[in-house]
């Protein structure tokens, strides 16, 4: 058992996703979704003796939520925005055959569909047109100048 400190939970789960250790990922996600300490993915810096007066302090709860978003968006869905580009490198649970998501970059929307078959992006389309994936296992795109639809296939 990981314990109730959610920052370490997310860091361990992020590393498990990157390593493809899906048993650990499944167990950790099950823990955060179903255990009393995990629900709400909050690290309580302070626990009052009266559970009706539980209070959270400072920035730690916001960091915990940030780690949840990072785990899902960057590590699993694989959407990574940078100053000059977007990288798409999904790492989905093997039983997830398809995923769709929508993200905003500035004023523009990036629709994303992932056809999951493994760790490396092997084929991609942007707005219906095939694009080169470059053999790196990920798709790198310029920051869009309008709304775009991206579709990737992994093997």
C-alpha atoms as a PDB file:
ATOM      1  CA  UNK A   1       0.000   0.000   0.000  1.00  0.00           C
ATOM      2  CA  UNK A   2       1.295   3.408  -0.937  1.00  0.00           C
ATOM      3  CA  UNK A   3      -0.251   5.303   1.943  1.00  0.00           C
ATOM      4  CA  UNK A   4      -2.235   8.486   1.943  1.00  0.00           C
ATOM      5  CA  UNK A   5       0.387  10.918   0.675  1.00  0.00           C
ATOM      6  CA  UNK A   6      -0.954  11.623  -2.800  1.00  0.00           C
ATOM      7  CA  UNK A   7       2.070  13.432  -4.178  1.00  0.00           C
ATOM      8  CA  UNK A   8       4.137  10.246  -3.912  1.00  0.00           C
ATOM      9  CA  UNK A   9       1.199   8.221  -5.239  1.00  0.00           C
ATOM     10  CA  UNK A  10       1.091  10.279  -8.429  1.00  0.00           C
ATOM     11  CA  UNK A  11       4.856  10.304  -8.883  1.00  0.00           C
ATOM     12  CA  UNK A  12       5.033   6.513  -8.489  1.00  0.00           C
ATOM     13  CA  UNK A  13       2.092   6.033 -10.856  1.00  0.00           C
ATOM     14  CA  UNK A  14       3.630   8.385 -13.439  1.00  0.00           C
ATOM     15  CA  UNK A  15       6.845   6.353 -13.336  1.00  0.00           C
ATOM     16  CA  UNK A  16       4.858   3.105 -13.652  1.00  0.00           C
ATOM     17  CA  UNK A  17       3.084   4.470 -16.758  1.00  0.00           C
ATOM     18  CA  UNK A  18       6.402   5.451 -18.337  1.00  0.00           C
ATOM     19  CA  UNK A  19       7.852   2.002 -17.541  1.00  0.00           C
ATOM     20  CA  UNK A  20       4.751   0.195 -18.827  1.00  0.00           C
ATOM     21  CA  UNK A  21       4.171  -1.412 -15.426  1.00  0.00           C
ATOM     22  CA  UNK A  22       0.413  -1.710 -15.960  1.00  0.00           C
ATOM     23  CA  UNK A  23      -0.297  -3.848 -12.877  1.00  0.00           C
ATOM     24  CA  UNK A  24       1.022  -1.040 -10.663  1.00  0.00           C
ATOM     25  CA  UNK A  25      -0.904   1.570 -12.653  1.00  0.00           C
ATOM     26  CA  UNK A  26      -4.171  -0.381 -12.340  1.00  0.00           C
ATOM     27  CA  UNK A  27      -3.666  -1.023  -8.611  1.00  0.00           C
ATOM     28  CA  UNK A  28      -2.837   2.632  -7.928  1.00  0.00           C
ATOM     29  CA  UNK A  29      -5.772   4.003  -9.917  1.00  0.00           C
ATOM     30  CA  UNK A  30      -8.073   1.536  -8.157  1.00  0.00           C
ATOM     31  CA  UNK A  31      -6.716   2.738  -4.816  1.00  0.00           C
ATOM     32  CA  UNK A  32      -7.234   6.433  -5.562  1.00  0.00           C
ATOM     33  CA  UNK A  33     -10.753   5.847  -6.893  1.00  0.00           C
ATOM     34  CA  UNK A  34     -12.019   3.418  -4.239  1.00  0.00           C
ATOM     35  CA  UNK A  35     -10.218   3.727  -0.910  1.00  0.00           C
ATOM     36  CA  UNK A  36     -11.323   6.181   1.795  1.00  0.00           C
ATOM     37  CA  UNK A  37      -7.874   7.804   1.806  1.00  0.00           C
ATOM     38  CA  UNK A  38      -7.736   7.985  -1.968  1.00  0.00           C
ATOM     39  CA  UNK A  39     -11.136   9.419  -2.862  1.00  0.00           C
ATOM     40  CA  UNK A  40     -10.796  13.019  -3.876  1.00  0.00           C
ATOM     41  CA  UNK A  41      -7.034  12.535  -4.357  1.00  0.00           C
ATOM     42  CA  UNK A  42      -6.247  14.985  -1.590  1.00  0.00           C
ATOM     43  CA  UNK A  43      -3.313  15.027   0.751  1.00  0.00           C
ATOM     44  CA  UNK A  44      -4.582  16.355   4.048  1.00  0.00           C
ATOM     45  CA  UNK A  45      -1.761  18.334   5.616  1.00  0.00           C
ATOM     46  CA  UNK A  46      -3.788  18.515   8.823  1.00  0.00           C
ATOM     47  CA  UNK A  47      -6.400  16.125  10.230  1.00  0.00           C
ATOM     48  CA  UNK A  48      -8.661  17.406  12.947  1.00  0.00           C
ATOM     49  CA  UNK A  49      -9.935  14.905  15.511  1.00  0.00           C
ATOM     50  CA  UNK A  50     -13.454  15.702  14.320  1.00  0.00           C
ATOM     51  CA  UNK A  51     -13.860  14.503  10.697  1.00  0.00           C
ATOM     52  CA  UNK A  52     -16.472  17.224  10.097  1.00  0.00           C
ATOM     53  CA  UNK A  53     -13.754  19.829  10.577  1.00  0.00           C
ATOM     54  CA  UNK A  54     -11.161  18.499   8.141  1.00  0.00           C
ATOM     55  CA  UNK A  55      -9.363  21.441   6.622  1.00  0.00           C
ATOM     56  CA  UNK A  56      -6.700  21.658   3.984  1.00  0.00           C
ATOM     57  CA  UNK A  57      -3.842  24.116   4.166  1.00  0.00           C
ATOM     58  CA  UNK A  58      -2.000  26.182   1.610  1.00  0.00           C
ATOM     59  CA  UNK A  59      -0.899  25.123  -1.828  1.00  0.00           C
ATOM     60  CA  UNK A  60      -0.592  21.368  -1.225  1.00  0.00           C
ATOM     61  CA  UNK A  61      -4.169  20.491  -2.324  1.00  0.00           C
ATOM     62  CA  UNK A  62      -3.640  22.396  -5.570  1.00  0.00           C
ATOM     63  CA  UNK A  63      -0.394  20.552  -6.205  1.00  0.00           C
ATOM     64  CA  UNK A  64      -2.164  17.242  -5.626  1.00  0.00           C
ATOM     65  CA  UNK A  65      -4.795  18.122  -8.226  1.00  0.00           C
ATOM     66  CA  UNK A  66      -2.031  19.241 -10.593  1.00  0.00           C
ATOM     67  CA  UNK A  67      -0.350  15.852 -10.263  1.00  0.00           C
ATOM     68  CA  UNK A  68      -3.636  14.087 -11.105  1.00  0.00           C
ATOM     69  CA  UNK A  69      -3.971  16.175 -14.264  1.00  0.00           C
ATOM     70  CA  UNK A  70      -0.322  15.554 -15.160  1.00  0.00           C
ATOM     71  CA  UNK A  71      -0.754  11.789 -14.731  1.00  0.00           C
ATOM     72  CA  UNK A  72      -3.807  11.680 -16.981  1.00  0.00           C
ATOM     73  CA  UNK A  73      -2.985  14.315 -19.608  1.00  0.00           C
ATOM     74  CA  UNK A  74       0.797  14.137 -19.994  1.00  0.00           C
ATOM     75  CA  UNK A  75       1.664  10.601 -18.936  1.00  0.00           C
ATOM     76  CA  UNK A  76      -1.339   8.571 -20.100  1.00  0.00           C
ATOM     77  CA  UNK A  77      -3.089  10.514 -22.875  1.00  0.00           C
ATOM     78  CA  UNK A  78       0.338  11.804 -23.904  1.00  0.00           C
ATOM     79  CA  UNK A  79      -0.583  15.426 -24.661  1.00  0.00           C
ATOM     80  CA  UNK A  80       2.472  17.574 -23.896  1.00  0.00           C
ATOM     81  CA  UNK A  81       2.419  21.272 -24.871  1.00  0.00           C
ATOM     82  CA  UNK A  82       5.693  23.186 -25.141  1.00  0.00           C
ATOM     83  CA  UNK A  83       6.339  26.829 -26.035  1.00  0.00           C
ATOM     84  CA  UNK A  84       6.805  26.082 -29.744  1.00  0.00           C
ATOM     85  CA  UNK A  85       5.195  22.682 -30.302  1.00  0.00           C
ATOM     86  CA  UNK A  86       2.929  19.918 -29.069  1.00  0.00           C
ATOM     87  CA  UNK A  87       4.140  16.380 -28.477  1.00  0.00           C
ATOM     88  CA  UNK A  88       1.650  13.507 -28.560  1.00  0.00           C
ATOM     89  CA  UNK A  89       2.967  10.293 -27.008  1.00  0.00           C
ATOM     90  CA  UNK A  90       0.136   8.207 -25.512  1.00  0.00           C
ATOM     91  CA  UNK A  91       0.755   5.526 -22.889  1.00  0.00           C
ATOM     92  CA  UNK A  92      -2.685   4.001 -22.390  1.00  0.00           C
ATOM     93  CA  UNK A  93      -3.626   0.914 -20.425  1.00  0.00           C
ATOM     94  CA  UNK A  94      -3.453  -2.013 -22.878  1.00  0.00           C
ATOM     95  CA  UNK A  95      -7.191  -2.717 -22.547  1.00  0.00           C
ATOM     96  CA  UNK A  96      -7.984   0.849 -23.665  1.00  0.00           C
ATOM     97  CA  UNK A  97      -8.467   0.400 -27.401  1.00  0.00           C
ATOM     98  CA  UNK A  98      -9.509   3.958 -28.247  1.00  0.00           C
ATOM     99  CA  UNK A  99      -9.565   7.318 -26.529  1.00  0.00           C
ATOM    100  CA  UNK A 100     -10.791  10.742 -27.543  1.00  0.00           C
ATOM    101  CA  UNK A 101     -10.020  14.033 -25.842  1.00  0.00           C
ATOM    102  CA  UNK A 102     -10.139  17.746 -26.503  1.00  0.00           C
ATOM    103  CA  UNK A 103      -7.566  20.320 -25.378  1.00  0.00           C
ATOM    104  CA  UNK A 104      -7.194  24.075 -25.693  1.00  0.00           C
ATOM    105  CA  UNK A 105      -3.973  25.723 -26.793  1.00  0.00           C
ATOM    106  CA  UNK A 106      -4.442  29.454 -26.553  1.00  0.00           C
ATOM    107  CA  UNK A 107      -7.661  30.214 -28.424  1.00  0.00           C
ATOM    108  CA  UNK A 108      -7.614  26.980 -30.398  1.00  0.00           C
ATOM    109  CA  UNK A 109      -8.950  23.478 -29.800  1.00  0.00           C
ATOM    110  CA  UNK A 110      -6.989  20.310 -30.455  1.00  0.00           C
ATOM    111  CA  UNK A 111      -9.249  17.281 -30.825  1.00  0.00           C
ATOM    112  CA  UNK A 112      -7.354  14.037 -30.266  1.00  0.00           C
ATOM    113  CA  UNK A 113      -8.280  10.444 -31.062  1.00  0.00           C
ATOM    114  CA  UNK A 114      -5.881   7.658 -30.085  1.00  0.00           C
ATOM    115  CA  UNK A 115      -6.181   4.145 -31.521  1.00  0.00           C
ATOM    116  CA  UNK A 116      -4.202   2.184 -28.956  1.00  0.00           C
ATOM    117  CA  UNK A 117      -2.097  -0.795 -29.916  1.00  0.00           C
ATOM    118  CA  UNK A 118       1.168  -0.171 -28.051  1.00  0.00           C
ATOM    119  CA  UNK A 119       3.721   2.391 -26.954  1.00  0.00           C
ATOM    120  CA  UNK A 120       4.850   4.051 -30.190  1.00  0.00           C
ATOM    121  CA  UNK A 121       2.946   6.373 -32.497  1.00  0.00           C
ATOM    122  CA  UNK A 122       3.326   4.747 -35.926  1.00  0.00           C
ATOM    123  CA  UNK A 123       0.788   6.670 -37.984  1.00  0.00           C
ATOM    124  CA  UNK A 124      -1.009   9.998 -37.679  1.00  0.00           C
ATOM    125  CA  UNK A 125      -3.433  12.313 -39.425  1.00  0.00           C
ATOM    126  CA  UNK A 126      -4.074  15.993 -38.829  1.00  0.00           C
ATOM    127  CA  UNK A 127      -7.383  17.274 -40.186  1.00  0.00           C
ATOM    128  CA  UNK A 128      -7.650  14.070 -42.227  1.00  0.00           C
ATOM    129  CA  UNK A 129      -4.231  14.447 -43.884  1.00  0.00           C
ATOM    130  CA  UNK A 130      -1.437  11.933 -43.162  1.00  0.00           C
ATOM    131  CA  UNK A 131       1.590  13.410 -41.407  1.00  0.00           C
ATOM    132  CA  UNK A 132       5.085  12.026 -40.844  1.00  0.00           C
ATOM    133  CA  UNK A 133       5.685  10.726 -37.320  1.00  0.00           C
ATOM    134  CA  UNK A 134       9.453  10.704 -37.796  1.00  0.00           C
ATOM    135  CA  UNK A 135      10.159   7.314 -36.230  1.00  0.00           C
ATOM    136  CA  UNK A 136      10.536   8.745 -32.717  1.00  0.00           C
ATOM    137  CA  UNK A 137       7.496   7.015 -31.253  1.00  0.00           C
ATOM    138  CA  UNK A 138       5.734  10.331 -30.776  1.00  0.00           C
ATOM    139  CA  UNK A 139       4.054  12.947 -32.947  1.00  0.00           C
ATOM    140  CA  UNK A 140       5.465  16.482 -32.867  1.00  0.00           C
ATOM    141  CA  UNK A 141       3.274  19.318 -34.177  1.00  0.00           C
ATOM    142  CA  UNK A 142       3.684  23.093 -34.380  1.00  0.00           C
ATOM    143  CA  UNK A 143       1.396  25.112 -32.138  1.00  0.00           C
ATOM    144  CA  UNK A 144      -1.813  25.295 -34.187  1.00  0.00           C
ATOM    145  CA  UNK A 145      -3.014  28.524 -35.750  1.00  0.00           C
ATOM    146  CA  UNK A 146      -6.600  27.253 -35.694  1.00  0.00           C
ATOM    147  CA  UNK A 147      -8.667  24.361 -34.402  1.00  0.00           C
ATOM    148  CA  UNK A 148      -7.301  20.975 -35.475  1.00  0.00           C
ATOM    149  CA  UNK A 149      -8.294  17.314 -35.298  1.00  0.00           C
ATOM    150  CA  UNK A 150      -5.457  14.850 -34.635  1.00  0.00           C
ATOM    151  CA  UNK A 151      -5.749  11.079 -34.957  1.00  0.00           C
ATOM    152  CA  UNK A 152      -2.882   8.733 -33.999  1.00  0.00           C
ATOM    153  CA  UNK A 153      -2.335   4.986 -34.107  1.00  0.00           C
ATOM    154  CA  UNK A 154       0.089   3.257 -31.751  1.00  0.00           C
ATOM    155  CA  UNK A 155       1.797  -0.122 -31.988  1.00  0.00           C
END
